[in-house]
């Protein structure tokens, strides 16, 4: 089973109040789950990585064979796909966590860059996380 996911991190101030948004769809486009969460004060790049990490941790229980993730963060997509080096020490820790999860994951993984317009629902959810201040529970 293939799952399609859209992830986004939002930060108001950079660093500032931040949230994440995640939308996961099945092969027919039906919603499997969505979530938003407030993650405190951080940068937009940390918020983007937090959204991806949260997705990777939560999607394990769905036993998919393939996970296709879309993000509007060109930096994160290029770093995870090995096109850019991760120079920032803080981001490197998040990057390493992503890599560790992917090494152990039973599914094929693809991460692609999309426009903000294509990622609008995850963006809406990330902003909702900031507005509602609903903190994440794992």
N, C-alpha and C. Protein backbone atom coordinates (compact mmCIF):
# COMPACT_ATOMS: atom_id res chain seq x y z
N UNK A 1 0.83 -1.18 0.00
CA UNK A 1 0.00 0.00 0.00
C UNK A 1 0.88 1.25 0.00
N UNK A 2 0.56 2.18 -0.86
CA UNK A 2 1.26 3.45 -0.93
C UNK A 2 0.48 4.51 -0.18
N UNK A 3 1.19 5.28 0.64
CA UNK A 3 0.59 6.45 1.29
C UNK A 3 1.26 7.70 0.75
N UNK A 4 0.45 8.73 0.54
CA UNK A 4 0.95 10.05 0.13
C UNK A 4 0.78 10.99 1.30
N UNK A 5 1.83 11.73 1.61
CA UNK A 5 1.77 12.64 2.74
C UNK A 5 2.25 14.02 2.34
N UNK A 6 1.68 15.00 3.00
CA UNK A 6 2.07 16.40 2.84
C UNK A 6 2.44 16.91 4.22
N UNK A 7 3.63 17.50 4.34
CA UNK A 7 4.10 18.01 5.63
C UNK A 7 4.48 19.47 5.50
N UNK A 8 4.30 20.20 6.60
CA UNK A 8 4.71 21.60 6.60
C UNK A 8 5.03 22.04 8.02
N UNK A 9 5.96 22.95 8.11
CA UNK A 9 6.28 23.61 9.36
C UNK A 9 6.13 25.10 9.15
N UNK A 10 5.59 25.79 10.14
CA UNK A 10 5.40 27.23 10.04
C UNK A 10 6.01 27.89 11.27
N UNK A 11 6.60 29.06 11.06
CA UNK A 11 7.18 29.82 12.16
C UNK A 11 6.86 31.29 11.96
N UNK A 12 6.32 31.90 12.97
CA UNK A 12 6.00 33.33 12.90
C UNK A 12 7.08 34.10 13.65
N UNK A 13 8.03 34.60 12.88
CA UNK A 13 9.13 35.36 13.47
C UNK A 13 10.49 34.82 13.09
N UNK A 14 10.61 33.55 12.95
CA UNK A 14 11.82 32.85 12.51
C UNK A 14 13.11 33.31 13.19
N UNK A 15 13.39 32.95 14.43
CA UNK A 15 12.57 32.04 15.22
C UNK A 15 11.35 32.75 15.82
N UNK A 16 10.34 31.94 16.04
CA UNK A 16 9.11 32.45 16.62
C UNK A 16 8.17 31.31 16.92
N UNK A 17 6.95 31.67 17.26
CA UNK A 17 5.93 30.67 17.55
C UNK A 17 5.79 29.76 16.33
N UNK A 18 5.80 28.45 16.54
CA UNK A 18 5.86 27.51 15.42
C UNK A 18 4.86 26.37 15.56
N UNK A 19 4.50 25.82 14.41
CA UNK A 19 3.58 24.70 14.37
C UNK A 19 3.91 23.78 13.22
N UNK A 20 3.33 22.58 13.27
CA UNK A 20 3.49 21.62 12.18
C UNK A 20 2.12 21.17 11.69
N UNK A 21 2.09 20.77 10.44
CA UNK A 21 0.88 20.22 9.85
C UNK A 21 1.20 19.01 9.01
N UNK A 22 0.36 17.99 9.09
CA UNK A 22 0.57 16.74 8.36
C UNK A 22 -0.76 16.26 7.81
N UNK A 23 -0.75 15.88 6.54
CA UNK A 23 -1.91 15.27 5.89
C UNK A 23 -1.44 13.99 5.22
N UNK A 24 -2.13 12.88 5.47
CA UNK A 24 -1.77 11.59 4.87
C UNK A 24 -2.99 11.05 4.13
N UNK A 25 -2.76 10.66 2.87
CA UNK A 25 -3.81 10.13 2.00
C UNK A 25 -3.46 8.71 1.56
N UNK A 26 -4.49 7.91 1.30
CA UNK A 26 -4.25 6.57 0.77
C UNK A 26 -4.14 6.64 -0.76
N UNK A 27 -4.04 5.48 -1.38
CA UNK A 27 -3.84 5.41 -2.84
C UNK A 27 -4.99 6.01 -3.64
N UNK A 28 -6.17 6.05 -3.05
CA UNK A 28 -7.33 6.59 -3.77
C UNK A 28 -7.60 8.05 -3.43
N UNK A 29 -6.75 8.63 -2.59
CA UNK A 29 -6.92 10.04 -2.23
C UNK A 29 -7.77 10.28 -1.00
N UNK A 30 -8.17 9.20 -0.32
CA UNK A 30 -8.94 9.35 0.91
C UNK A 30 -8.01 9.66 2.08
N UNK A 31 -8.48 10.52 2.98
CA UNK A 31 -7.66 10.91 4.12
C UNK A 31 -7.50 9.74 5.09
N UNK A 32 -6.25 9.42 5.41
CA UNK A 32 -5.92 8.41 6.41
C UNK A 32 -5.87 9.09 7.77
N UNK A 33 -5.13 10.20 7.85
CA UNK A 33 -5.15 11.03 9.04
C UNK A 33 -4.54 12.39 8.73
N UNK A 34 -4.85 13.34 9.59
CA UNK A 34 -4.22 14.65 9.52
C UNK A 34 -4.00 15.10 10.95
N UNK A 35 -3.05 16.00 11.12
CA UNK A 35 -2.79 16.51 12.46
C UNK A 35 -2.13 17.87 12.39
N UNK A 36 -2.25 18.61 13.46
CA UNK A 36 -1.52 19.86 13.63
C UNK A 36 -1.05 19.92 15.08
N UNK A 37 0.03 20.64 15.30
CA UNK A 37 0.56 20.75 16.66
C UNK A 37 1.38 22.02 16.79
N UNK A 38 1.35 22.57 17.97
CA UNK A 38 2.19 23.71 18.34
C UNK A 38 3.49 23.14 18.89
N UNK A 39 4.63 23.66 18.43
CA UNK A 39 5.91 23.11 18.88
C UNK A 39 6.78 24.14 19.60
N UNK A 40 6.20 25.28 19.97
CA UNK A 40 6.94 26.28 20.72
C UNK A 40 7.66 27.26 19.81
N UNK A 41 8.68 27.91 20.35
CA UNK A 41 9.44 28.89 19.58
C UNK A 41 10.65 28.22 18.95
N UNK A 42 10.71 28.31 17.63
CA UNK A 42 11.83 27.73 16.90
C UNK A 42 11.89 28.35 15.51
N UNK A 43 12.76 27.83 14.66
CA UNK A 43 12.90 28.36 13.30
C UNK A 43 11.99 27.59 12.34
N UNK A 44 11.81 28.17 11.17
CA UNK A 44 10.99 27.49 10.16
C UNK A 44 11.64 26.17 9.73
N UNK A 45 12.96 26.13 9.63
CA UNK A 45 13.61 24.89 9.20
C UNK A 45 13.47 23.78 10.24
N UNK A 46 13.58 24.12 11.51
CA UNK A 46 13.36 23.12 12.56
C UNK A 46 11.91 22.65 12.52
N UNK A 47 10.98 23.56 12.29
CA UNK A 47 9.57 23.18 12.20
C UNK A 47 9.34 22.21 11.03
N UNK A 48 9.98 22.47 9.90
CA UNK A 48 9.84 21.58 8.73
C UNK A 48 10.35 20.17 9.07
N UNK A 49 11.53 20.10 9.67
CA UNK A 49 12.08 18.79 10.04
C UNK A 49 11.23 18.10 11.10
N UNK A 50 10.69 18.88 12.04
CA UNK A 50 9.83 18.29 13.07
C UNK A 50 8.58 17.68 12.46
N UNK A 51 8.03 18.34 11.45
CA UNK A 51 6.86 17.79 10.76
C UNK A 51 7.21 16.46 10.09
N UNK A 52 8.35 16.40 9.41
CA UNK A 52 8.75 15.16 8.74
C UNK A 52 9.01 14.05 9.76
N UNK A 53 9.72 14.37 10.83
CA UNK A 53 10.00 13.36 11.86
C UNK A 53 8.72 12.83 12.49
N UNK A 54 7.80 13.73 12.76
CA UNK A 54 6.52 13.31 13.36
C UNK A 54 5.78 12.37 12.42
N UNK A 55 5.76 12.72 11.15
CA UNK A 55 5.13 11.84 10.16
C UNK A 55 5.79 10.47 10.16
N UNK A 56 7.11 10.42 10.08
CA UNK A 56 7.82 9.14 10.00
C UNK A 56 7.55 8.27 11.22
N UNK A 57 7.42 8.89 12.38
CA UNK A 57 7.14 8.12 13.60
C UNK A 57 5.70 7.61 13.62
N UNK A 58 4.78 8.41 13.14
CA UNK A 58 3.36 8.04 13.22
C UNK A 58 2.92 7.10 12.11
N UNK A 59 3.57 7.16 10.97
CA UNK A 59 3.12 6.37 9.82
C UNK A 59 3.50 4.89 9.93
N UNK A 60 4.41 4.57 10.83
CA UNK A 60 4.86 3.18 10.99
C UNK A 60 3.70 2.22 11.21
N UNK A 61 2.71 2.64 11.98
CA UNK A 61 1.61 1.72 12.33
C UNK A 61 0.69 1.39 11.16
N UNK A 62 0.81 2.12 10.06
CA UNK A 62 -0.07 1.87 8.91
C UNK A 62 0.48 0.81 7.97
N UNK A 63 1.70 0.36 8.22
CA UNK A 63 2.31 -0.74 7.47
C UNK A 63 2.27 -0.55 5.95
N UNK A 64 2.59 0.66 5.53
CA UNK A 64 2.63 0.92 4.08
C UNK A 64 3.91 0.33 3.50
N UNK A 65 3.89 0.07 2.21
CA UNK A 65 5.08 -0.43 1.52
C UNK A 65 5.83 0.71 0.84
N UNK A 66 5.14 1.83 0.65
CA UNK A 66 5.75 2.99 -0.01
C UNK A 66 5.15 4.25 0.60
N UNK A 67 6.02 5.22 0.89
CA UNK A 67 5.59 6.51 1.43
C UNK A 67 6.15 7.61 0.55
N UNK A 68 5.26 8.39 -0.04
CA UNK A 68 5.66 9.52 -0.88
C UNK A 68 5.29 10.79 -0.13
N UNK A 69 6.29 11.57 0.22
CA UNK A 69 6.08 12.77 1.03
C UNK A 69 6.35 14.01 0.19
N UNK A 70 5.45 14.98 0.30
CA UNK A 70 5.61 16.26 -0.38
C UNK A 70 5.81 17.36 0.66
N UNK A 71 6.74 18.26 0.36
CA UNK A 71 7.02 19.39 1.24
C UNK A 71 7.36 20.60 0.40
N UNK A 72 7.02 21.78 0.90
CA UNK A 72 7.39 23.00 0.18
C UNK A 72 8.72 23.57 0.67
N UNK A 73 9.41 22.82 1.54
CA UNK A 73 10.72 23.24 2.03
C UNK A 73 11.81 22.69 1.11
N UNK A 74 12.26 23.53 0.20
CA UNK A 74 13.30 23.08 -0.73
C UNK A 74 14.57 22.68 0.01
N UNK A 75 14.92 23.44 1.05
CA UNK A 75 16.13 23.13 1.81
C UNK A 75 16.06 21.73 2.41
N UNK A 76 14.98 21.44 3.13
CA UNK A 76 14.87 20.13 3.76
C UNK A 76 14.85 19.00 2.73
N UNK A 77 14.09 19.18 1.67
CA UNK A 77 14.00 18.15 0.64
C UNK A 77 15.37 17.87 0.04
N UNK A 78 16.09 18.92 -0.29
CA UNK A 78 17.42 18.73 -0.90
C UNK A 78 18.42 18.13 0.10
N UNK A 79 18.31 18.50 1.37
CA UNK A 79 19.20 17.91 2.37
C UNK A 79 18.91 16.42 2.56
N UNK A 80 17.66 16.08 2.75
CA UNK A 80 17.30 14.67 2.97
C UNK A 80 17.63 13.82 1.75
N UNK A 81 17.47 14.40 0.56
CA UNK A 81 17.76 13.67 -0.68
C UNK A 81 19.24 13.69 -1.06
N UNK A 82 20.08 14.29 -0.22
CA UNK A 82 21.52 14.28 -0.44
C UNK A 82 22.04 15.29 -1.45
N UNK A 83 21.24 16.25 -1.83
CA UNK A 83 21.66 17.27 -2.81
C UNK A 83 22.38 18.43 -2.14
N UNK A 84 22.01 18.73 -0.89
CA UNK A 84 22.66 19.80 -0.10
C UNK A 84 23.28 19.17 1.13
N UNK A 85 24.41 19.74 1.56
CA UNK A 85 25.00 19.35 2.83
C UNK A 85 24.21 20.03 3.95
N UNK A 86 24.19 19.40 5.10
CA UNK A 86 23.53 19.99 6.27
C UNK A 86 24.62 20.67 7.08
N UNK A 87 24.72 21.98 6.94
CA UNK A 87 25.79 22.74 7.58
C UNK A 87 25.44 23.17 9.00
N UNK A 88 24.18 23.48 9.24
CA UNK A 88 23.73 23.94 10.55
C UNK A 88 23.72 22.77 11.54
N UNK A 89 24.40 22.95 12.67
CA UNK A 89 24.54 21.87 13.66
C UNK A 89 23.19 21.42 14.21
N UNK A 90 22.31 22.36 14.49
CA UNK A 90 20.99 22.00 15.03
C UNK A 90 20.20 21.19 14.01
N UNK A 91 20.21 21.64 12.75
CA UNK A 91 19.49 20.90 11.72
C UNK A 91 20.11 19.53 11.47
N UNK A 92 21.43 19.42 11.66
CA UNK A 92 22.10 18.14 11.45
C UNK A 92 21.54 17.07 12.39
N UNK A 93 21.21 17.47 13.62
CA UNK A 93 20.63 16.50 14.57
C UNK A 93 19.28 15.99 14.07
N UNK A 94 18.47 16.89 13.53
CA UNK A 94 17.17 16.48 12.98
C UNK A 94 17.36 15.60 11.74
N UNK A 95 18.29 16.00 10.89
CA UNK A 95 18.61 15.23 9.69
C UNK A 95 19.03 13.81 10.06
N UNK A 96 19.89 13.69 11.06
CA UNK A 96 20.37 12.37 11.48
C UNK A 96 19.24 11.50 12.03
N UNK A 97 18.29 12.12 12.72
CA UNK A 97 17.13 11.37 13.21
C UNK A 97 16.29 10.85 12.04
N UNK A 98 16.10 11.69 11.03
CA UNK A 98 15.36 11.26 9.84
C UNK A 98 16.06 10.08 9.19
N UNK A 99 17.37 10.20 9.00
CA UNK A 99 18.13 9.13 8.36
C UNK A 99 18.05 7.83 9.16
N UNK A 100 18.13 7.93 10.48
CA UNK A 100 18.07 6.73 11.33
C UNK A 100 16.72 6.04 11.19
N UNK A 101 15.65 6.80 11.17
CA UNK A 101 14.31 6.21 11.02
C UNK A 101 14.19 5.55 9.65
N UNK A 102 14.66 6.24 8.62
CA UNK A 102 14.54 5.70 7.26
C UNK A 102 15.35 4.42 7.08
N UNK A 103 16.50 4.33 7.73
CA UNK A 103 17.32 3.12 7.64
C UNK A 103 16.59 1.90 8.20
N UNK A 104 15.76 2.11 9.20
CA UNK A 104 15.03 1.02 9.86
C UNK A 104 13.63 0.80 9.28
N UNK A 105 13.18 1.69 8.43
CA UNK A 105 11.80 1.63 7.94
C UNK A 105 11.61 0.54 6.90
N UNK A 106 10.48 -0.16 6.96
CA UNK A 106 10.21 -1.23 6.01
C UNK A 106 9.66 -0.74 4.67
N UNK A 107 9.41 0.55 4.55
CA UNK A 107 8.80 1.07 3.33
C UNK A 107 9.79 1.81 2.44
N UNK A 108 9.47 1.83 1.16
CA UNK A 108 10.21 2.64 0.20
C UNK A 108 9.82 4.09 0.46
N UNK A 109 10.79 4.99 0.41
CA UNK A 109 10.56 6.40 0.77
C UNK A 109 10.94 7.32 -0.37
N UNK A 110 10.08 8.28 -0.63
CA UNK A 110 10.35 9.32 -1.62
C UNK A 110 9.94 10.66 -1.02
N UNK A 111 10.83 11.64 -1.12
CA UNK A 111 10.55 12.99 -0.64
C UNK A 111 10.70 13.94 -1.81
N UNK A 112 9.63 14.70 -2.08
CA UNK A 112 9.70 15.61 -3.23
C UNK A 112 9.27 17.01 -2.83
N UNK A 113 9.84 17.97 -3.56
CA UNK A 113 9.52 19.37 -3.35
C UNK A 113 8.31 19.76 -4.18
N UNK A 114 7.37 20.45 -3.55
CA UNK A 114 6.18 20.95 -4.24
C UNK A 114 6.00 22.42 -3.91
N UNK A 115 5.17 23.08 -4.68
CA UNK A 115 4.89 24.50 -4.43
C UNK A 115 4.04 24.66 -3.18
N UNK A 116 3.99 25.88 -2.66
CA UNK A 116 3.13 26.17 -1.51
C UNK A 116 1.68 25.87 -1.83
N UNK A 117 1.31 26.15 -3.06
CA UNK A 117 -0.08 25.91 -3.48
C UNK A 117 -0.44 24.43 -3.39
N UNK A 118 0.49 23.58 -3.80
CA UNK A 118 0.25 22.13 -3.75
C UNK A 118 0.26 21.60 -2.31
N UNK A 119 0.85 22.38 -1.42
CA UNK A 119 0.99 21.96 -0.02
C UNK A 119 0.06 22.76 0.90
N UNK A 120 -0.99 23.34 0.32
CA UNK A 120 -1.82 24.29 1.07
C UNK A 120 -2.50 23.70 2.30
N UNK A 121 -2.91 22.44 2.24
CA UNK A 121 -3.61 21.85 3.41
C UNK A 121 -2.65 21.64 4.57
N UNK A 122 -1.44 21.16 4.30
CA UNK A 122 -0.45 21.00 5.37
C UNK A 122 -0.06 22.36 5.93
N UNK A 123 0.03 23.37 5.07
CA UNK A 123 0.33 24.73 5.51
C UNK A 123 -0.79 25.24 6.43
N UNK A 124 -2.03 25.01 6.03
CA UNK A 124 -3.17 25.44 6.84
C UNK A 124 -3.12 24.77 8.22
N UNK A 125 -2.81 23.48 8.23
CA UNK A 125 -2.72 22.74 9.48
C UNK A 125 -1.58 23.25 10.36
N UNK A 126 -0.43 23.55 9.76
CA UNK A 126 0.71 24.07 10.53
C UNK A 126 0.35 25.40 11.19
N UNK A 127 -0.32 26.26 10.45
CA UNK A 127 -0.74 27.54 11.01
C UNK A 127 -1.80 27.36 12.08
N UNK A 128 -2.66 26.37 11.91
CA UNK A 128 -3.66 26.05 12.92
C UNK A 128 -2.98 25.59 14.21
N UNK A 129 -1.88 24.88 14.06
CA UNK A 129 -1.12 24.46 15.24
C UNK A 129 -0.64 25.65 16.05
N UNK A 130 -0.17 26.69 15.36
CA UNK A 130 0.27 27.90 16.04
C UNK A 130 -0.92 28.59 16.71
N UNK A 131 -1.99 28.73 15.96
CA UNK A 131 -3.15 29.47 16.45
C UNK A 131 -3.83 28.80 17.63
N UNK A 132 -3.92 27.49 17.62
CA UNK A 132 -4.63 26.79 18.70
C UNK A 132 -3.72 26.46 19.87
N UNK A 133 -2.41 26.53 19.64
CA UNK A 133 -1.43 26.18 20.67
C UNK A 133 -1.65 24.76 21.21
N UNK A 134 -2.15 23.90 20.32
CA UNK A 134 -2.35 22.50 20.69
C UNK A 134 -1.00 21.79 20.59
N UNK A 135 -0.48 21.38 21.73
CA UNK A 135 0.83 20.74 21.74
C UNK A 135 0.73 19.30 21.30
N UNK A 136 1.84 18.81 20.79
CA UNK A 136 1.89 17.47 20.21
C UNK A 136 1.94 16.41 21.30
N UNK A 137 1.22 15.33 21.05
CA UNK A 137 1.32 14.14 21.89
C UNK A 137 1.73 12.98 20.99
N UNK A 138 2.69 12.21 21.44
CA UNK A 138 3.16 11.09 20.62
C UNK A 138 2.75 9.79 21.26
